[in-house]
Amino acid sequence: MSRRMARLATTLVTFASFLSVASPSMATPTTSRGLISVAQVMQMLEKAPTDDTARQVLTAYLAGVGEAASVVAGMGGATCRTLLSLSAANVRQTLTAAAAGQDAAETPATPLIVRDMLDRSGCQRH
């Protein structure tokens, strides 16, 4: 693993730890494996408009996920038709669709968000 990927992984783990203790109002736990859950991100999306802490944590988390997707695409030798992008609306739509019929508290959110970003940008690995 490259140093950049190691730093990114450390950053995402730090965000995951912060997400679970950032605010007593954000009580949804991570998955049993310690990953950021769909339920946790959805709860932050709901609270972000009125809760400064939730908004800050959500912004930091999504920035880390966006950077991770960029690194994954670059290291994988992918070419993308458009720039990678991320918005709260995209995240909400992706997580709602992907988690339908699944346990949102046990479904990891980050891989779903990254996959959606790569798909929407038309990324292809060569």
N, C-alpha and C. Protein backbone atom coordinates (compact mmCIF):
# COMPACT_ATOMS: atom_id res chain seq x y z
N MET A 1 0.85 -1.16 0.00
CA MET A 1 0.00 0.00 0.00
C MET A 1 0.90 1.24 0.00
N SER A 2 0.60 2.18 -0.85
CA SER A 2 1.40 3.39 -0.93
C SER A 2 1.19 4.25 0.32
N ARG A 3 2.10 5.17 0.53
CA ARG A 3 1.97 6.05 1.70
C ARG A 3 0.71 6.89 1.61
N ARG A 4 0.38 7.33 0.39
CA ARG A 4 -0.82 8.15 0.23
C ARG A 4 -2.07 7.36 0.58
N MET A 5 -2.14 6.12 0.13
CA MET A 5 -3.29 5.28 0.45
C MET A 5 -3.33 4.99 1.95
N ALA A 6 -2.19 4.77 2.56
CA ALA A 6 -2.14 4.51 3.99
C ALA A 6 -2.64 5.72 4.77
N ARG A 7 -2.22 6.92 4.35
CA ARG A 7 -2.69 8.14 5.01
C ARG A 7 -4.19 8.31 4.81
N LEU A 8 -4.66 8.03 3.61
CA LEU A 8 -6.08 8.16 3.32
C LEU A 8 -6.89 7.17 4.17
N ALA A 9 -6.41 5.94 4.26
CA ALA A 9 -7.10 4.94 5.08
C ALA A 9 -7.14 5.38 6.54
N THR A 10 -6.03 5.91 7.03
CA THR A 10 -5.98 6.40 8.40
C THR A 10 -6.97 7.54 8.60
N THR A 11 -7.04 8.44 7.64
CA THR A 11 -7.97 9.57 7.73
C THR A 11 -9.41 9.08 7.77
N LEU A 12 -9.75 8.13 6.91
CA LEU A 12 -11.12 7.62 6.88
C LEU A 12 -11.47 6.89 8.17
N VAL A 13 -10.52 6.15 8.74
CA VAL A 13 -10.76 5.48 10.01
C VAL A 13 -10.97 6.52 11.11
N THR A 14 -10.18 7.58 11.08
CA THR A 14 -10.35 8.66 12.06
C THR A 14 -11.73 9.27 11.94
N PHE A 15 -12.18 9.54 10.70
CA PHE A 15 -13.52 10.08 10.49
C PHE A 15 -14.56 9.11 11.03
N ALA A 16 -14.37 7.84 10.77
CA ALA A 16 -15.33 6.83 11.24
C ALA A 16 -15.42 6.86 12.76
N SER A 17 -14.29 6.97 13.42
CA SER A 17 -14.28 7.03 14.89
C SER A 17 -14.99 8.28 15.37
N PHE A 18 -14.73 9.41 14.71
CA PHE A 18 -15.33 10.67 15.09
C PHE A 18 -16.83 10.65 14.86
N LEU A 19 -17.26 9.99 13.80
CA LEU A 19 -18.69 9.95 13.49
C LEU A 19 -19.48 9.30 14.61
N SER A 20 -18.92 8.29 15.22
CA SER A 20 -19.67 7.57 16.24
C SER A 20 -19.71 8.30 17.58
N VAL A 21 -18.83 9.28 17.80
CA VAL A 21 -18.82 9.98 19.07
C VAL A 21 -19.00 11.49 18.91
N ALA A 22 -19.24 11.97 17.71
CA ALA A 22 -19.26 13.40 17.44
C ALA A 22 -20.33 14.14 18.23
N SER A 23 -21.46 13.54 18.41
CA SER A 23 -22.53 14.23 19.09
C SER A 23 -23.47 13.20 19.70
N PRO A 24 -23.94 13.46 20.89
CA PRO A 24 -24.90 12.52 21.48
C PRO A 24 -26.15 12.35 20.62
N SER A 25 -26.45 13.36 19.79
CA SER A 25 -27.63 13.26 18.93
C SER A 25 -27.41 12.32 17.76
N MET A 26 -26.16 11.94 17.52
CA MET A 26 -25.85 11.01 16.44
C MET A 26 -25.53 9.65 17.05
N ALA A 27 -26.54 8.94 17.49
CA ALA A 27 -26.33 7.71 18.23
C ALA A 27 -26.24 6.46 17.37
N THR A 28 -26.58 6.55 16.09
CA THR A 28 -26.52 5.37 15.24
C THR A 28 -25.09 4.85 15.19
N PRO A 29 -24.88 3.60 15.53
CA PRO A 29 -23.52 3.07 15.57
C PRO A 29 -22.99 2.72 14.19
N THR A 30 -21.69 2.52 14.15
CA THR A 30 -21.09 1.98 12.95
C THR A 30 -21.52 0.52 12.85
N THR A 31 -21.13 -0.15 11.75
CA THR A 31 -21.47 -1.56 11.62
C THR A 31 -20.74 -2.35 12.70
N SER A 32 -21.11 -3.60 12.86
CA SER A 32 -20.45 -4.45 13.86
C SER A 32 -18.97 -4.66 13.54
N ARG A 33 -18.58 -4.37 12.30
CA ARG A 33 -17.17 -4.47 11.91
C ARG A 33 -16.46 -3.12 12.04
N GLY A 34 -17.17 -2.11 12.55
CA GLY A 34 -16.56 -0.80 12.77
C GLY A 34 -16.55 0.11 11.55
N LEU A 35 -17.32 -0.23 10.53
CA LEU A 35 -17.38 0.59 9.32
C LEU A 35 -18.52 1.59 9.43
N ILE A 36 -18.42 2.67 8.68
CA ILE A 36 -19.47 3.68 8.69
C ILE A 36 -20.70 3.08 7.99
N SER A 37 -21.81 3.09 8.69
CA SER A 37 -23.02 2.44 8.16
C SER A 37 -23.87 3.39 7.33
N VAL A 38 -24.71 2.80 6.50
CA VAL A 38 -25.69 3.56 5.72
C VAL A 38 -26.58 4.35 6.68
N ALA A 39 -27.02 3.72 7.76
CA ALA A 39 -27.89 4.39 8.72
C ALA A 39 -27.20 5.61 9.32
N GLN A 40 -25.93 5.49 9.61
CA GLN A 40 -25.18 6.58 10.21
C GLN A 40 -25.09 7.78 9.26
N VAL A 41 -24.79 7.52 7.99
CA VAL A 41 -24.68 8.60 7.02
C VAL A 41 -26.05 9.22 6.77
N MET A 42 -27.08 8.39 6.67
CA MET A 42 -28.43 8.92 6.46
C MET A 42 -28.85 9.81 7.64
N GLN A 43 -28.49 9.41 8.84
CA GLN A 43 -28.81 10.21 10.02
C GLN A 43 -28.08 11.56 9.96
N MET A 44 -26.83 11.55 9.53
CA MET A 44 -26.09 12.81 9.39
C MET A 44 -26.71 13.69 8.32
N LEU A 45 -27.14 13.09 7.21
CA LEU A 45 -27.78 13.85 6.15
C LEU A 45 -29.05 14.54 6.67
N GLU A 46 -29.79 13.84 7.51
CA GLU A 46 -31.02 14.41 8.07
C GLU A 46 -30.71 15.55 9.04
N LYS A 47 -29.66 15.41 9.82
CA LYS A 47 -29.35 16.39 10.86
C LYS A 47 -28.53 17.58 10.35
N ALA A 48 -27.81 17.40 9.25
CA ALA A 48 -26.88 18.43 8.77
C ALA A 48 -27.50 19.81 8.56
N PRO A 49 -28.73 19.93 8.05
CA PRO A 49 -29.28 21.28 7.84
C PRO A 49 -29.45 22.10 9.13
N THR A 50 -29.61 21.43 10.26
CA THR A 50 -29.87 22.17 11.51
C THR A 50 -28.84 21.93 12.60
N ASP A 51 -27.90 21.03 12.40
CA ASP A 51 -26.92 20.68 13.43
C ASP A 51 -25.51 20.94 12.88
N ASP A 52 -24.83 21.94 13.44
CA ASP A 52 -23.50 22.30 12.95
C ASP A 52 -22.51 21.14 13.03
N THR A 53 -22.54 20.39 14.12
CA THR A 53 -21.61 19.27 14.26
C THR A 53 -21.87 18.22 13.19
N ALA A 54 -23.12 17.88 12.98
CA ALA A 54 -23.46 16.89 11.94
C ALA A 54 -23.01 17.38 10.57
N ARG A 55 -23.22 18.65 10.30
CA ARG A 55 -22.82 19.22 9.00
C ARG A 55 -21.30 19.15 8.83
N GLN A 56 -20.55 19.49 9.86
CA GLN A 56 -19.09 19.45 9.79
C GLN A 56 -18.58 18.03 9.62
N VAL A 57 -19.13 17.11 10.37
CA VAL A 57 -18.70 15.71 10.28
C VAL A 57 -19.06 15.14 8.91
N LEU A 58 -20.26 15.43 8.43
CA LEU A 58 -20.69 14.96 7.12
C LEU A 58 -19.78 15.52 6.03
N THR A 59 -19.47 16.80 6.12
CA THR A 59 -18.59 17.42 5.12
C THR A 59 -17.21 16.77 5.13
N ALA A 60 -16.67 16.54 6.31
CA ALA A 60 -15.35 15.91 6.42
C ALA A 60 -15.39 14.48 5.88
N TYR A 61 -16.41 13.74 6.24
CA TYR A 61 -16.55 12.36 5.75
C TYR A 61 -16.65 12.32 4.23
N LEU A 62 -17.54 13.14 3.67
CA LEU A 62 -17.73 13.13 2.21
C LEU A 62 -16.48 13.61 1.48
N ALA A 63 -15.75 14.55 2.07
CA ALA A 63 -14.48 14.98 1.45
C ALA A 63 -13.49 13.81 1.42
N GLY A 64 -13.43 13.06 2.50
CA GLY A 64 -12.54 11.89 2.54
C GLY A 64 -12.96 10.83 1.53
N VAL A 65 -14.26 10.60 1.43
CA VAL A 65 -14.77 9.61 0.46
C VAL A 65 -14.46 10.08 -0.96
N GLY A 66 -14.65 11.37 -1.24
CA GLY A 66 -14.35 11.90 -2.57
C GLY A 66 -12.88 11.72 -2.92
N GLU A 67 -12.01 12.01 -1.97
CA GLU A 67 -10.59 11.84 -2.22
C GLU A 67 -10.25 10.36 -2.42
N ALA A 68 -10.87 9.50 -1.63
CA ALA A 68 -10.64 8.06 -1.78
C ALA A 68 -11.04 7.58 -3.17
N ALA A 69 -12.19 8.04 -3.65
CA ALA A 69 -12.65 7.63 -4.98
C ALA A 69 -11.67 8.09 -6.05
N SER A 70 -11.15 9.30 -5.90
CA SER A 70 -10.17 9.82 -6.85
C SER A 70 -8.90 8.98 -6.85
N VAL A 71 -8.45 8.62 -5.67
CA VAL A 71 -7.24 7.80 -5.55
C VAL A 71 -7.48 6.41 -6.15
N VAL A 72 -8.64 5.83 -5.85
CA VAL A 72 -8.97 4.51 -6.38
C VAL A 72 -8.97 4.54 -7.91
N ALA A 73 -9.58 5.56 -8.48
CA ALA A 73 -9.63 5.68 -9.94
C ALA A 73 -8.23 5.85 -10.50
N GLY A 74 -7.45 6.72 -9.88
CA GLY A 74 -6.10 6.98 -10.38
C GLY A 74 -5.17 5.78 -10.25
N MET A 75 -5.19 5.13 -9.12
CA MET A 75 -4.31 3.99 -8.90
C MET A 75 -4.74 2.78 -9.73
N GLY A 76 -6.03 2.72 -10.03
CA GLY A 76 -6.53 1.61 -10.83
C GLY A 76 -6.36 1.82 -12.32
N GLY A 77 -5.78 2.95 -12.70
CA GLY A 77 -5.58 3.24 -14.11
C GLY A 77 -6.88 3.52 -14.84
N ALA A 78 -7.88 3.99 -14.13
CA ALA A 78 -9.18 4.25 -14.75
C ALA A 78 -9.18 5.59 -15.48
N THR A 79 -9.95 5.62 -16.53
CA THR A 79 -10.23 6.90 -17.20
C THR A 79 -11.72 7.15 -17.03
N CYS A 80 -12.06 8.40 -16.81
CA CYS A 80 -13.45 8.77 -16.55
C CYS A 80 -13.91 9.77 -17.60
N ARG A 81 -15.17 9.63 -18.03
CA ARG A 81 -15.73 10.55 -19.03
C ARG A 81 -15.93 11.94 -18.46
N THR A 82 -16.29 12.03 -17.18
CA THR A 82 -16.49 13.32 -16.53
C THR A 82 -15.75 13.34 -15.20
N LEU A 83 -15.64 14.52 -14.61
CA LEU A 83 -15.00 14.64 -13.31
C LEU A 83 -15.83 13.94 -12.25
N LEU A 84 -15.15 13.39 -11.27
CA LEU A 84 -15.85 12.79 -10.15
C LEU A 84 -16.57 13.89 -9.37
N SER A 85 -17.77 13.61 -8.92
CA SER A 85 -18.53 14.60 -8.16
C SER A 85 -19.30 13.90 -7.06
N LEU A 86 -19.68 14.70 -6.08
CA LEU A 86 -20.38 14.17 -4.93
C LEU A 86 -21.26 15.26 -4.34
N SER A 87 -22.48 14.91 -4.02
CA SER A 87 -23.38 15.87 -3.36
C SER A 87 -24.24 15.11 -2.36
N ALA A 88 -24.82 15.84 -1.45
CA ALA A 88 -25.70 15.22 -0.46
C ALA A 88 -26.86 14.52 -1.16
N ALA A 89 -27.39 15.12 -2.22
CA ALA A 89 -28.50 14.51 -2.95
C ALA A 89 -28.09 13.18 -3.58
N ASN A 90 -26.87 13.14 -4.18
CA ASN A 90 -26.38 11.89 -4.76
C ASN A 90 -26.21 10.83 -3.69
N VAL A 91 -25.64 11.22 -2.57
CA VAL A 91 -25.39 10.27 -1.48
C VAL A 91 -26.71 9.72 -0.95
N ARG A 92 -27.67 10.60 -0.72
CA ARG A 92 -28.98 10.16 -0.22
C ARG A 92 -29.64 9.18 -1.19
N GLN A 93 -29.63 9.51 -2.47
CA GLN A 93 -30.24 8.65 -3.49
C GLN A 93 -29.54 7.30 -3.56
N THR A 94 -28.22 7.32 -3.56
CA THR A 94 -27.44 6.09 -3.64
C THR A 94 -27.69 5.19 -2.44
N LEU A 95 -27.63 5.75 -1.26
CA LEU A 95 -27.79 4.94 -0.06
C LEU A 95 -29.21 4.43 0.11
N THR A 96 -30.19 5.24 -0.27
CA THR A 96 -31.58 4.81 -0.19
C THR A 96 -31.82 3.62 -1.12
N ALA A 97 -31.32 3.72 -2.34
CA ALA A 97 -31.52 2.64 -3.32
C ALA A 97 -30.72 1.39 -2.96
N ALA A 98 -29.48 1.58 -2.58
CA ALA A 98 -28.59 0.43 -2.32
C ALA A 98 -28.97 -0.33 -1.06
N ALA A 99 -29.51 0.37 -0.09
CA ALA A 99 -29.81 -0.28 1.18
C ALA A 99 -31.24 -0.81 1.28
N ALA A 100 -32.02 -0.62 0.24
CA ALA A 100 -33.41 -1.11 0.26
C ALA A 100 -33.41 -2.61 0.54
N GLY A 101 -34.15 -2.98 1.57
CA GLY A 101 -34.27 -4.40 1.91
C GLY A 101 -33.09 -4.94 2.70
N GLN A 102 -32.11 -4.10 3.02
CA GLN A 102 -30.95 -4.54 3.79
C GLN A 102 -30.96 -3.87 5.16
N ASP A 103 -30.16 -4.38 6.05
CA ASP A 103 -30.01 -3.77 7.37
C ASP A 103 -29.10 -2.56 7.25
N ALA A 104 -29.68 -1.37 7.26
CA ALA A 104 -28.92 -0.14 7.05
C ALA A 104 -27.85 0.08 8.12
N ALA A 105 -28.05 -0.49 9.31
CA ALA A 105 -27.07 -0.35 10.38
C ALA A 105 -25.87 -1.26 10.17
N GLU A 106 -26.01 -2.26 9.31
CA GLU A 106 -24.90 -3.20 9.04
C GLU A 106 -24.33 -3.06 7.63
N THR A 107 -24.92 -2.23 6.81
CA THR A 107 -24.44 -2.05 5.44
C THR A 107 -23.43 -0.90 5.41
N PRO A 108 -22.18 -1.18 4.99
CA PRO A 108 -21.19 -0.11 4.91
C PRO A 108 -21.54 0.90 3.83
N ALA A 109 -21.45 2.19 4.15
CA ALA A 109 -21.84 3.25 3.23
C ALA A 109 -20.73 3.61 2.24
N THR A 110 -19.50 3.64 2.69
CA THR A 110 -18.41 4.17 1.86
C THR A 110 -18.25 3.45 0.53
N PRO A 111 -18.23 2.12 0.48
CA PRO A 111 -18.09 1.46 -0.84
C PRO A 111 -19.23 1.79 -1.79
N LEU A 112 -20.43 1.95 -1.25
CA LEU A 112 -21.59 2.29 -2.09
C LEU A 112 -21.43 3.68 -2.69
N ILE A 113 -20.96 4.61 -1.89
CA ILE A 113 -20.78 5.99 -2.37
C ILE A 113 -19.67 6.05 -3.41
N VAL A 114 -18.56 5.38 -3.14
CA VAL A 114 -17.43 5.39 -4.09
C VAL A 114 -17.86 4.75 -5.41
N ARG A 115 -18.53 3.61 -5.35
CA ARG A 115 -18.98 2.93 -6.57
C ARG A 115 -19.90 3.83 -7.38
N ASP A 116 -20.82 4.53 -6.70
CA ASP A 116 -21.74 5.44 -7.38
C ASP A 116 -20.97 6.57 -8.06
N MET A 117 -19.99 7.15 -7.38
CA MET A 117 -19.21 8.24 -7.96
C MET A 117 -18.50 7.77 -9.23
N LEU A 118 -17.88 6.60 -9.17
CA LEU A 118 -17.17 6.07 -10.32
C LEU A 118 -18.13 5.76 -11.47
N ASP A 119 -19.28 5.19 -11.14
CA ASP A 119 -20.28 4.87 -12.18
C ASP A 119 -20.83 6.14 -12.84
N ARG A 120 -21.20 7.13 -12.03
CA ARG A 120 -21.74 8.37 -12.61
C ARG A 120 -20.74 9.11 -13.47
N SER A 121 -19.47 8.96 -13.16
CA SER A 121 -18.42 9.63 -13.96
C SER A 121 -18.00 8.81 -15.16
N GLY A 122 -18.58 7.62 -15.31
CA GLY A 122 -18.25 6.78 -16.46
C GLY A 122 -16.82 6.27 -16.43
N CYS A 123 -16.33 5.95 -15.26
CA CYS A 123 -14.94 5.49 -15.14
C CYS A 123 -14.81 4.05 -15.63
N GLN A 124 -13.78 3.84 -16.41
CA GLN A 124 -13.48 2.50 -16.95
C GLN A 124 -12.03 2.19 -16.65
N ARG A 125 -11.79 0.98 -16.19
CA ARG A 125 -10.41 0.56 -15.91
C ARG A 125 -9.83 -0.05 -17.19
N HIS A 126 -8.59 0.30 -17.44
CA HIS A 126 -7.92 -0.22 -18.63
C HIS A 126 -6.92 -1.27 -18.29
